[in-house]
């Protein structure tokens, strides 16, 4: 197995969270010198002019980042009105914010079960979400809420126009009960 390719994939998968040297050593089962050599080799590959990424050491973690000299293109992408499509993850995050605003990123992450830092940054850049002050809990994390652009995009006059979540929960529970009943019935028929 090519450790350099695996390391590249690992750095991609963890995204902005990055990997510590110890994590790289443990995951790839390498000694410290091998891990450092592998990182330097991959970093050198990314320094080529035809590559759009680089490896940075930030916050005691190694992370894949975009090249600074390409920033004007990334800004155009964010500002492009045609790029307002929303991924499933962005829609989930928006729904969580809309139904729970104001809300912290940590609370969003807990509800989704995965990190939302990058998605939240994109939603702020697109104007669907904004900072709404700071929470009173220790660390005073940023609170987020939806914007008028969010309301316009989804054709809502106010946040109160959102559908009632309890109807969706009841429907989901009914579907789950029906599926469980079907599984039980199928198992019962197979056993005869």
Protein backbone atom coordinates (compact mmCIF):
# COMPACT_ATOMS: atom_id res chain seq x y z
CA UNK A 1 0.00 0.00 0.00
CA UNK A 2 1.30 3.46 -0.89
CA UNK A 3 1.50 5.35 2.42
CA UNK A 4 1.79 8.73 0.69
CA UNK A 5 -1.54 8.19 -1.10
CA UNK A 6 -3.17 7.00 2.13
CA UNK A 7 -1.85 10.05 4.00
CA UNK A 8 -3.22 12.34 1.28
CA UNK A 9 -6.62 10.66 1.59
CA UNK A 10 -6.56 10.91 5.38
CA UNK A 11 -5.76 14.63 5.25
CA UNK A 12 -8.62 15.13 2.79
CA UNK A 13 -11.10 13.17 4.93
CA UNK A 14 -10.33 15.02 8.19
CA UNK A 15 -10.52 18.38 6.43
CA UNK A 16 -10.01 21.41 8.61
CA UNK A 17 -9.60 19.29 11.76
CA UNK A 18 -6.20 18.10 10.51
CA UNK A 19 -4.02 15.28 11.82
CA UNK A 20 -1.34 15.40 14.49
CA UNK A 21 1.99 13.70 13.89
CA UNK A 22 1.03 11.13 16.53
CA UNK A 23 -2.21 10.31 14.70
CA UNK A 24 -0.30 9.83 11.45
CA UNK A 25 2.21 7.56 13.20
CA UNK A 26 -0.57 5.51 14.84
CA UNK A 27 -2.84 5.21 11.79
CA UNK A 28 -0.11 4.36 9.28
CA UNK A 29 1.93 2.32 11.78
CA UNK A 30 5.12 4.30 11.11
CA UNK A 31 7.95 5.54 13.30
CA UNK A 32 8.36 9.29 13.76
CA UNK A 33 11.11 9.70 11.16
CA UNK A 34 9.12 7.77 8.52
CA UNK A 35 6.03 9.90 9.21
CA UNK A 36 8.00 13.16 8.95
CA UNK A 37 9.67 12.00 5.75
CA UNK A 38 6.30 11.06 4.25
CA UNK A 39 4.83 14.45 5.18
CA UNK A 40 7.79 16.29 3.65
CA UNK A 41 7.53 14.22 0.45
CA UNK A 42 3.81 14.96 0.11
CA UNK A 43 4.38 18.62 0.97
CA UNK A 44 7.03 18.82 -1.77
CA UNK A 45 4.57 17.29 -4.29
CA UNK A 46 2.05 20.01 -3.45
CA UNK A 47 4.61 22.77 -3.98
CA UNK A 48 4.51 22.16 -7.74
CA UNK A 49 2.89 24.98 -9.73
CA UNK A 50 0.23 22.66 -11.20
CA UNK A 51 -1.19 21.78 -7.78
CA UNK A 52 -3.99 23.70 -6.07
CA UNK A 53 -3.43 22.45 -2.54
CA UNK A 54 -0.68 22.54 0.02
CA UNK A 55 0.02 21.07 3.44
CA UNK A 56 0.20 23.47 6.36
CA UNK A 57 1.02 22.92 10.02
CA UNK A 58 -1.62 24.89 11.92
CA UNK A 59 -2.73 24.46 15.52
CA UNK A 60 -0.36 21.50 16.02
CA UNK A 61 -2.04 19.65 13.15
CA UNK A 62 -1.17 18.98 9.54
CA UNK A 63 -3.94 20.17 7.20
CA UNK A 64 -4.65 20.30 3.49
CA UNK A 65 -5.28 23.91 2.55
CA UNK A 66 -5.71 25.82 -0.67
CA UNK A 67 -2.88 27.89 -2.10
CA UNK A 68 -2.99 31.51 -1.05
CA UNK A 69 -2.11 32.72 -4.54
CA UNK A 70 -5.42 31.27 -5.85
CA UNK A 71 -7.60 33.12 -3.33
CA UNK A 72 -9.18 35.46 -5.91
CA UNK A 73 -10.72 32.44 -7.69
CA UNK A 74 -12.11 31.00 -4.45
CA UNK A 75 -13.64 34.38 -3.67
CA UNK A 76 -15.27 34.49 -7.13
CA UNK A 77 -16.76 31.04 -6.51
CA UNK A 78 -18.28 32.12 -3.22
CA UNK A 79 -19.63 35.37 -4.65
CA UNK A 80 -20.95 33.80 -7.87
CA UNK A 81 -24.78 33.93 -7.78
CA UNK A 82 -24.93 30.72 -9.84
CA UNK A 83 -23.14 28.81 -7.08
CA UNK A 84 -25.98 29.13 -4.59
CA UNK A 85 -26.86 25.44 -4.83
CA UNK A 86 -27.01 23.83 -1.40
CA UNK A 87 -25.65 20.41 -0.51
CA UNK A 88 -27.51 18.00 1.75
CA UNK A 89 -25.13 18.92 4.58
CA UNK A 90 -25.80 22.64 4.04
CA UNK A 91 -29.56 22.06 4.05
CA UNK A 92 -29.29 20.04 7.29
CA UNK A 93 -27.24 22.78 8.90
CA UNK A 94 -29.64 25.50 7.74
CA UNK A 95 -32.63 23.56 9.10
CA UNK A 96 -30.94 23.10 12.47
CA UNK A 97 -30.14 26.81 12.67
CA UNK A 98 -33.59 27.90 11.50
CA UNK A 99 -35.44 25.75 14.03
CA UNK A 100 -33.07 26.46 16.95
CA UNK A 101 -31.76 29.99 16.40
CA UNK A 102 -29.76 31.52 17.88
CA UNK A 103 -27.47 28.49 18.16
CA UNK A 104 -23.76 27.78 18.59
CA UNK A 105 -21.63 25.75 16.19
CA UNK A 106 -20.96 23.16 18.89
CA UNK A 107 -24.71 22.63 19.34
CA UNK A 108 -25.14 22.31 15.55
CA UNK A 109 -22.32 19.72 15.50
CA UNK A 110 -23.95 17.78 18.34
CA UNK A 111 -27.30 17.65 16.56
CA UNK A 112 -25.77 16.66 13.19
CA UNK A 113 -23.25 14.28 14.71
CA UNK A 114 -20.45 15.68 12.52
CA UNK A 115 -18.43 18.88 12.32
CA UNK A 116 -20.08 21.83 10.58
CA UNK A 117 -17.33 24.45 10.61
CA UNK A 118 -16.75 24.52 6.85
CA UNK A 119 -20.44 24.36 5.99
CA UNK A 120 -21.20 27.15 8.43
CA UNK A 121 -18.46 29.30 6.90
CA UNK A 122 -19.94 28.75 3.42
CA UNK A 123 -23.45 29.57 4.62
CA UNK A 124 -22.18 32.80 6.17
CA UNK A 125 -20.31 33.65 2.93
CA UNK A 126 -23.48 33.02 0.89
CA UNK A 127 -25.43 35.29 3.25
CA UNK A 128 -27.88 32.64 4.52
CA UNK A 129 -26.52 32.72 8.08
CA UNK A 130 -25.03 35.47 10.22
CA UNK A 131 -23.41 35.89 13.61
CA UNK A 132 -25.98 36.91 16.21
CA UNK A 133 -23.81 37.73 19.19
CA UNK A 134 -22.17 35.47 21.75
CA UNK A 135 -23.53 32.87 24.14
CA UNK A 136 -23.21 33.33 27.91
CA UNK A 137 -21.71 29.85 28.38
CA UNK A 138 -17.98 29.53 29.16
CA UNK A 139 -15.83 30.41 26.16
CA UNK A 140 -18.60 32.69 24.89
CA UNK A 141 -19.07 30.89 21.55
CA UNK A 142 -20.60 32.69 18.57
CA UNK A 143 -24.35 32.36 18.10
CA UNK A 144 -25.72 31.95 14.56
CA UNK A 145 -29.09 32.73 13.04
CA UNK A 146 -30.63 32.85 9.59
CA UNK A 147 -30.82 36.02 7.50
CA UNK A 148 -33.37 37.70 5.28
CA UNK A 149 -31.52 36.14 2.30
CA UNK A 150 -32.38 32.74 3.77
CA UNK A 151 -36.04 33.72 3.99
CA UNK A 152 -36.00 35.05 0.41
CA UNK A 153 -34.28 31.93 -0.95
CA UNK A 154 -36.90 29.64 0.61
CA UNK A 155 -39.85 31.95 -0.05
CA UNK A 156 -40.64 32.64 3.60
CA UNK A 157 -41.99 35.90 4.97
CA UNK A 158 -40.75 35.19 8.51
CA UNK A 159 -39.05 32.35 10.34
CA UNK A 160 -42.48 31.49 11.78
CA UNK A 161 -43.53 30.34 8.28
CA UNK A 162 -41.31 27.24 8.59
CA UNK A 163 -43.28 23.97 8.56
CA UNK A 164 -44.14 22.44 11.94
CA UNK A 165 -41.45 19.88 12.75
CA UNK A 166 -43.77 17.72 14.86
CA UNK A 167 -45.66 16.65 11.70
CA UNK A 168 -42.41 15.39 10.15
CA UNK A 169 -41.48 13.54 13.34
CA UNK A 170 -44.86 11.80 13.48
CA UNK A 171 -44.59 10.83 9.81
CA UNK A 172 -41.03 9.51 10.27
CA UNK A 173 -42.11 7.45 13.30
CA UNK A 174 -45.02 5.98 11.34
CA UNK A 175 -42.71 5.01 8.45
CA UNK A 176 -40.25 3.46 10.90
CA UNK A 177 -43.05 1.49 12.59
CA UNK A 178 -44.28 0.24 9.19
CA UNK A 179 -40.76 -0.80 8.18
CA UNK A 180 -40.24 -2.64 11.47
CA UNK A 181 -43.59 -4.38 11.04
CA UNK A 182 -42.63 -5.43 7.50
CA UNK A 183 -39.31 -6.80 8.76
CA UNK A 184 -41.07 -8.77 11.49
CA UNK A 185 -43.67 -10.11 9.05
CA UNK A 186 -41.00 -11.05 6.51
CA UNK A 187 -38.99 -12.87 9.18
CA UNK A 188 -42.11 -14.66 10.44
CA UNK A 189 -43.01 -15.82 6.92
CA UNK A 190 -39.44 -17.04 6.27
CA UNK A 191 -39.46 -19.11 9.47
CA UNK A 192 -42.62 -21.05 8.52
